[in-house]
C-alpha atoms as a PDB file:
ATOM      1  CA  MET A   1       5.712 -41.174  -4.837  1.00  0.00           C
ATOM      2  CA  ALA A   2       3.901 -38.106  -3.676  1.00  0.00           C
ATOM      3  CA  GLY A   3       0.211 -38.103  -2.936  1.00  0.00           C
ATOM      4  CA  PRO A   4      -2.347 -36.416  -5.188  1.00  0.00           C
ATOM      5  CA  VAL A   5      -1.980 -32.721  -5.666  1.00  0.00           C
ATOM      6  CA  ARG A   6      -4.797 -30.816  -4.004  1.00  0.00           C
ATOM      7  CA  ARG A   7      -5.888 -27.489  -5.319  1.00  0.00           C
ATOM      8  CA  ARG A   8      -6.339 -24.895  -2.614  1.00  0.00           C
ATOM      9  CA  ALA A   9      -9.874 -23.661  -2.210  1.00  0.00           C
ATOM     10  CA  ARG A  10     -10.166 -20.006  -3.135  1.00  0.00           C
ATOM     11  CA  VAL A  11      -9.858 -17.852  -0.074  1.00  0.00           C
ATOM     12  CA  THR A  12     -12.433 -15.082   0.087  1.00  0.00           C
ATOM     13  CA  ARG A  13     -10.775 -11.802   1.017  1.00  0.00           C
ATOM     14  CA  ALA A  14     -12.495  -8.720   2.391  1.00  0.00           C
ATOM     15  CA  TRP A  15     -11.343  -6.877  -0.721  1.00  0.00           C
ATOM     16  CA  ASP A  16     -13.342  -9.282  -2.872  1.00  0.00           C
ATOM     17  CA  GLU A  17     -16.502  -8.467  -0.945  1.00  0.00           C
ATOM     18  CA  LEU A  18     -16.212  -4.686  -1.275  1.00  0.00           C
ATOM     19  CA  SER A  19     -18.242  -2.756  -3.801  1.00  0.00           C
ATOM     20  CA  ALA A  20     -16.431  -1.046  -6.649  1.00  0.00           C
ATOM     21  CA  THR A  21     -17.125   2.297  -5.032  1.00  0.00           C
ATOM     22  CA  ASP A  22     -15.648   1.216  -1.706  1.00  0.00           C
ATOM     23  CA  ARG A  23     -12.538  -0.101  -3.490  1.00  0.00           C
ATOM     24  CA  GLN A  24     -12.080   3.231  -5.251  1.00  0.00           C
ATOM     25  CA  VAL A  25     -12.432   5.104  -1.946  1.00  0.00           C
ATOM     26  CA  LEU A  26      -9.829   2.878  -0.299  1.00  0.00           C
ATOM     27  CA  LEU A  27      -7.455   3.169  -3.245  1.00  0.00           C
ATOM     28  CA  GLN A  28      -7.779   6.947  -3.302  1.00  0.00           C
ATOM     29  CA  ALA A  29      -7.127   7.130   0.443  1.00  0.00           C
ATOM     30  CA  ALA A  30      -4.015   5.006   0.077  1.00  0.00           C
ATOM     31  CA  ARG A  31      -2.774   7.198  -2.771  1.00  0.00           C
ATOM     32  CA  GLU A  32      -3.341  10.273  -0.648  1.00  0.00           C
ATOM     33  CA  ARG A  33      -1.425   8.745   2.299  1.00  0.00           C
ATOM     34  CA  ARG A  34       1.482   7.886   0.022  1.00  0.00           C
ATOM     35  CA  ARG A  35       1.482  11.374  -1.495  1.00  0.00           C
ATOM     36  CA  LEU A  36       1.514  13.029   1.941  1.00  0.00           C
ATOM     37  CA  GLN A  37       4.219  10.640   3.181  1.00  0.00           C
ATOM     38  CA  ALA A  38       6.353  11.486   0.116  1.00  0.00           C
ATOM     39  CA  GLU A  39       5.961  15.191   0.868  1.00  0.00           C
ATOM     40  CA  ARG A  40       6.977  14.646   4.508  1.00  0.00           C
ATOM     41  CA  ASP A  41       9.948  12.553   3.428  1.00  0.00           C
ATOM     42  CA  ALA A  42      11.057  15.226   0.969  1.00  0.00           C
ATOM     43  CA  ARG A  43      10.894  17.917   3.673  1.00  0.00           C
ATOM     44  CA  GLU A  44      12.833  15.766   6.114  1.00  0.00           C
ATOM     45  CA  THR A  45      15.467  14.995   3.476  1.00  0.00           C
ATOM     46  CA  ALA A  46      15.799  18.707   2.626  1.00  0.00           C
ATOM     47  CA  LEU A  47      16.175  19.604   6.299  1.00  0.00           C
ATOM     48  CA  TRP A  48      18.751  16.877   6.823  1.00  0.00           C
ATOM     49  CA  ALA A  49      20.720  18.063   3.817  1.00  0.00           C
ATOM     50  CA  VAL A  50      20.746  21.654   5.072  1.00  0.00           C
ATOM     51  CA  ARG A  51      21.832  20.624   8.578  1.00  0.00           C
ATOM     52  CA  HIS A  52      24.620  18.396   7.305  1.00  0.00           C
ATOM     53  CA  GLN A  53      26.162  20.640   4.673  1.00  0.00           C
ATOM     54  CA  ARG A  54      29.779  21.594   5.302  1.00  0.00           C
END
């Protein structure tokens, strides 16, 4: 028979210690990075399509 089940102690993460304002700033920065990356990807895809048309 297995031993007693132990509950894991809650791990404190850096995110949990940030203020709400700091979280919003980080989230906004991440959104901006994703938006810029999507724009770069779209340009690269368009260039690739033009170069590989036959």
